[in-house]
N, C-alpha and C. Protein backbone atom coordinates (compact mmCIF):
# COMPACT_ATOMS: atom_id res chain seq x y z
N MET A 1 0.63 -1.02 0.20
CA MET A 1 0.05 0.24 0.13
C MET A 1 0.29 1.25 0.07
N ASN A 2 0.59 2.03 -0.54
CA ASN A 2 1.46 3.21 -1.25
C ASN A 2 0.55 4.59 -0.76
N ARG A 3 1.70 5.28 0.43
CA ARG A 3 0.75 6.48 1.02
C ARG A 3 0.75 7.76 0.38
N GLN A 4 0.19 8.57 0.80
CA GLN A 4 -0.01 9.84 -0.14
C GLN A 4 0.94 10.54 0.49
N LEU A 5 1.60 11.28 -0.70
CA LEU A 5 2.83 11.75 -0.59
C LEU A 5 2.38 13.26 -0.32
N SER A 6 3.12 14.18 0.13
CA SER A 6 2.69 15.65 0.34
C SER A 6 3.12 16.61 -1.24
N VAL A 7 2.36 17.64 -1.13
CA VAL A 7 2.79 18.08 -2.30
C VAL A 7 4.39 18.36 -2.45
N ASP A 8 5.26 18.71 -1.39
CA ASP A 8 6.16 19.39 -1.83
C ASP A 8 7.10 17.92 -2.52
N GLU A 9 6.75 16.95 -1.54
CA GLU A 9 7.48 15.60 -2.37
C GLU A 9 7.40 15.12 -3.31
N LEU A 10 5.58 15.30 -3.75
CA LEU A 10 5.45 15.12 -5.27
C LEU A 10 6.37 15.59 -6.31
N LEU A 11 6.28 17.03 -6.05
CA LEU A 11 6.89 18.33 -6.92
C LEU A 11 8.57 17.80 -7.23
N TRP A 12 9.09 17.46 -5.82
CA TRP A 12 10.49 17.20 -5.76
C TRP A 12 10.86 15.69 -7.10
N SER A 13 10.10 14.84 -6.91
CA SER A 13 9.72 14.22 -8.35
C SER A 13 8.92 14.46 -9.55
N TRP A 14 8.68 15.70 -9.60
CA TRP A 14 8.25 15.79 -10.54
C TRP A 14 8.59 15.78 -12.00
N PRO A 15 10.15 16.62 -12.09
CA PRO A 15 10.68 16.46 -13.38
C PRO A 15 11.05 14.90 -13.95
N THR A 16 11.33 13.64 -13.00
CA THR A 16 11.33 12.90 -13.40
C THR A 16 9.92 12.44 -13.99
N VAL A 17 8.78 13.00 -13.74
CA VAL A 17 7.81 12.01 -13.91
C VAL A 17 6.97 12.55 -14.88
N CYS A 18 7.76 14.04 -15.55
CA CYS A 18 7.53 14.69 -16.77
C CYS A 18 8.29 13.93 -17.89
N LYS A 19 9.75 13.39 -17.66
CA LYS A 19 10.29 12.75 -18.90
C LYS A 19 10.07 11.50 -18.12
N ALA A 20 9.59 10.44 -17.97
CA ALA A 20 8.98 9.03 -17.90
C ALA A 20 7.41 9.24 -18.21
N ALA A 21 6.68 10.28 -18.26
CA ALA A 21 5.62 10.27 -19.34
C ALA A 21 5.42 9.58 -20.42
N SER A 22 4.80 8.47 -20.16
CA SER A 22 4.84 7.12 -21.63
C SER A 22 3.72 7.45 -22.47
N ASN A 23 2.67 8.23 -22.36
CA ASN A 23 1.65 8.77 -23.69
C ASN A 23 1.39 10.33 -23.49
N ASP A 24 0.40 10.79 -24.70
CA ASP A 24 0.31 12.26 -24.95
C ASP A 24 -0.51 12.33 -23.95
N TRP A 25 -1.21 11.86 -23.03
CA TRP A 25 -1.97 12.55 -21.44
C TRP A 25 -1.69 12.81 -20.66
N ALA A 26 -0.32 11.50 -20.45
CA ALA A 26 0.41 11.60 -19.34
C ALA A 26 1.62 12.95 -19.36
N LYS A 27 1.97 12.98 -20.09
CA LYS A 27 2.72 14.33 -20.53
C LYS A 27 2.19 15.48 -20.15
N GLY A 28 1.35 15.63 -21.09
CA GLY A 28 0.27 17.02 -20.73
C GLY A 28 -0.29 17.17 -19.38
N PHE A 29 -0.22 15.98 -18.88
CA PHE A 29 -0.78 16.76 -17.40
C PHE A 29 0.68 16.98 -16.62
N ALA A 30 1.29 15.87 -17.10
CA ALA A 30 3.10 16.51 -15.73
C ALA A 30 3.41 18.07 -16.64
N LEU A 31 3.44 18.20 -17.35
CA LEU A 31 3.93 19.70 -17.56
C LEU A 31 2.57 20.78 -17.47
N SER A 32 1.40 20.38 -17.33
CA SER A 32 0.60 21.25 -17.20
C SER A 32 0.41 21.52 -15.16
N ILE A 33 0.30 20.29 -14.63
CA ILE A 33 0.90 20.47 -13.12
C ILE A 33 2.17 21.55 -12.82
N MET A 34 3.31 21.15 -13.93
CA MET A 34 4.69 21.80 -13.58
C MET A 34 4.38 23.37 -14.05
N ARG A 35 3.67 24.03 -15.08
CA ARG A 35 3.80 24.97 -15.05
C ARG A 35 2.48 25.53 -13.86
N GLN A 36 1.43 24.97 -13.42
CA GLN A 36 0.34 24.99 -12.15
C GLN A 36 1.32 25.50 -10.84
N SER A 37 2.26 24.51 -11.03
CA SER A 37 2.94 24.82 -9.52
C SER A 37 4.06 26.08 -9.26
N LYS A 38 4.15 26.54 -10.52
CA LYS A 38 4.86 27.82 -10.33
C LYS A 38 4.17 29.09 -9.48
N ARG A 39 2.69 28.76 -9.94
CA ARG A 39 2.10 30.18 -9.35
C ARG A 39 2.34 29.54 -7.93
N ARG A 40 2.11 30.97 -7.14
CA ARG A 40 2.08 31.19 -5.17
C ARG A 40 0.71 30.51 -5.45
N ASN A 41 1.53 29.75 -4.20
CA ASN A 41 -0.15 29.23 -3.28
C ASN A 41 -0.64 28.39 -4.24
N TRP A 42 -0.06 28.22 -5.13
CA TRP A 42 -0.75 26.46 -6.01
C TRP A 42 -1.31 25.61 -5.13
N GLN A 43 -2.18 25.08 -5.00
CA GLN A 43 -2.34 23.67 -4.03
C GLN A 43 -2.92 22.76 -5.69
N PRO A 44 -2.72 21.54 -5.42
CA PRO A 44 -3.42 20.90 -6.54
C PRO A 44 -4.62 20.26 -6.13
N SER A 45 -5.89 20.11 -7.15
CA SER A 45 -6.89 19.52 -6.40
C SER A 45 -6.71 18.46 -6.09
N PRO A 46 -8.44 17.67 -5.11
CA PRO A 46 -7.28 16.70 -4.37
C PRO A 46 -7.53 15.41 -5.92
N LYS A 47 -8.18 15.51 -6.91
CA LYS A 47 -8.24 14.44 -8.09
C LYS A 47 -6.92 14.76 -8.67
N GLN A 48 -5.77 15.76 -9.28
CA GLN A 48 -4.59 16.10 -9.27
C GLN A 48 -3.78 15.33 -8.47
N HIS A 49 -4.20 16.10 -7.14
CA HIS A 49 -3.01 15.17 -6.24
C HIS A 49 -2.72 13.43 -6.30
N ALA A 50 -3.96 12.77 -6.48
CA ALA A 50 -4.30 11.79 -6.17
C ALA A 50 -3.27 11.60 -7.72
N LEU A 51 -3.60 11.71 -8.88
CA LEU A 51 -3.04 11.66 -10.05
C LEU A 51 -1.55 11.75 -9.65
N MET A 52 -1.26 12.76 -8.98
CA MET A 52 0.34 12.91 -9.17
C MET A 52 1.03 11.92 -8.08
N ASN A 53 0.35 11.51 -7.12
CA ASN A 53 0.75 10.20 -6.32
C ASN A 53 1.20 9.62 -7.23
N ARG A 54 -0.31 8.59 -7.68
CA ARG A 54 0.07 7.53 -8.72
C ARG A 54 1.07 7.82 -9.75
N MET A 55 1.52 8.85 -10.62
CA MET A 55 2.51 9.10 -11.40
C MET A 55 4.00 8.95 -10.50
N VAL A 56 3.90 9.50 -9.56
CA VAL A 56 5.59 9.30 -8.95
C VAL A 56 5.55 7.92 -8.29
N ASN A 57 4.75 7.23 -7.91
CA ASN A 57 4.71 6.11 -6.98
C ASN A 57 4.99 5.19 -8.28
N GLU A 58 4.10 5.16 -9.62
CA GLU A 58 4.76 4.83 -10.65
C GLU A 58 5.95 4.83 -11.29
N VAL A 59 6.47 5.91 -11.61
CA VAL A 59 8.17 5.93 -12.01
C VAL A 59 8.97 5.34 -11.35
N TYR A 60 8.74 5.44 -9.84
CA TYR A 60 9.42 4.94 -8.99
C TYR A 60 9.60 3.25 -8.91
N GLN A 61 8.32 2.74 -9.13
CA GLN A 61 8.30 1.53 -8.68
C GLN A 61 8.95 0.67 -10.12
N HIS A 62 8.84 1.83 -11.58
CA HIS A 62 9.51 0.80 -12.75
C HIS A 62 10.75 1.05 -12.71
N ARG A 63 11.25 1.85 -11.55
CA ARG A 63 12.69 2.12 -11.63
C ARG A 63 13.17 0.90 -10.58
N GLY A 64 12.57 0.53 -9.73
CA GLY A 64 13.16 -0.84 -8.97
C GLY A 64 14.07 -0.20 -8.02
N ASP A 65 14.08 1.42 -7.90
CA ASP A 65 14.73 1.52 -6.31
C ASP A 65 13.65 2.53 -5.34
N PHE A 66 12.77 2.32 -5.32
CA PHE A 66 11.87 2.42 -4.54
C PHE A 66 10.08 1.90 -4.83
N ASP A 67 10.12 1.24 -3.20
CA ASP A 67 9.28 0.54 -3.37
C ASP A 67 7.43 1.45 -2.70
N GLY A 68 7.94 2.42 -2.42
CA GLY A 68 7.22 3.06 -1.49
C GLY A 68 6.50 3.54 -0.34
N CYS A 69 8.02 2.66 0.42
CA CYS A 69 7.24 2.55 1.65
C CYS A 69 9.09 3.48 1.97
N ASP A 70 9.08 4.34 3.03
CA ASP A 70 10.45 4.99 3.41
C ASP A 70 10.71 4.85 4.87
N ASP A 71 11.54 2.98 4.78
CA ASP A 71 11.61 2.14 6.13
C ASP A 71 12.99 2.53 6.57
N PHE A 72 13.84 3.70 5.95
CA PHE A 72 15.26 3.33 6.57
C PHE A 72 15.35 4.01 8.18
N ASP A 73 16.40 3.35 8.50
CA ASP A 73 16.55 3.53 10.04
C ASP A 73 16.61 5.05 9.88
N LEU A 74 16.87 4.83 11.16
CA LEU A 74 16.98 6.40 11.63
C LEU A 74 18.81 6.36 12.32
N ILE A 75 19.60 7.30 12.00
CA ILE A 75 20.85 7.18 12.60
C ILE A 75 21.39 7.82 13.67
N ASP A 76 21.25 7.62 14.77
CA ASP A 76 21.50 8.65 16.13
C ASP A 76 23.09 8.86 15.46
N ARG A 77 23.31 10.65 15.75
CA ARG A 77 24.64 10.65 15.21
C ARG A 77 24.92 11.71 16.89
N GLY A 78 24.60 11.53 17.67
CA GLY A 78 24.79 12.13 18.99
C GLY A 78 24.28 13.71 18.70
N ASP A 79 25.23 14.63 19.05
CA ASP A 79 24.84 15.81 19.42
C ASP A 79 26.11 16.56 17.81
N ALA A 80 26.01 15.92 17.26
CA ALA A 80 26.67 16.39 16.12
C ALA A 80 26.20 17.23 15.73
C-alpha cells in the first residue's frame, strides 16, 4: 500500500515524472502540473493530487529503487 505523499514530495520528483511520461495524456498532465506549480500558493485539487501521487509511485516502482515505503533506519549521531 502506497502512502499519500505531500505536495512538496511530489513536486521534488515531478521533473522525473515529466521525463518518464509514456503517452500524450500523461505528458500533457505532467507539463500542466509543472506550469501550475510555479504559481504562488498553488495547491493541486484532490483529484490532481491523487493522480500525481500515482504517477510518482509508478515512476519509482518501474525504476526498481523505491517501493513506496520509507523504512530507512534513523541514525543517531549524538550531538553532531
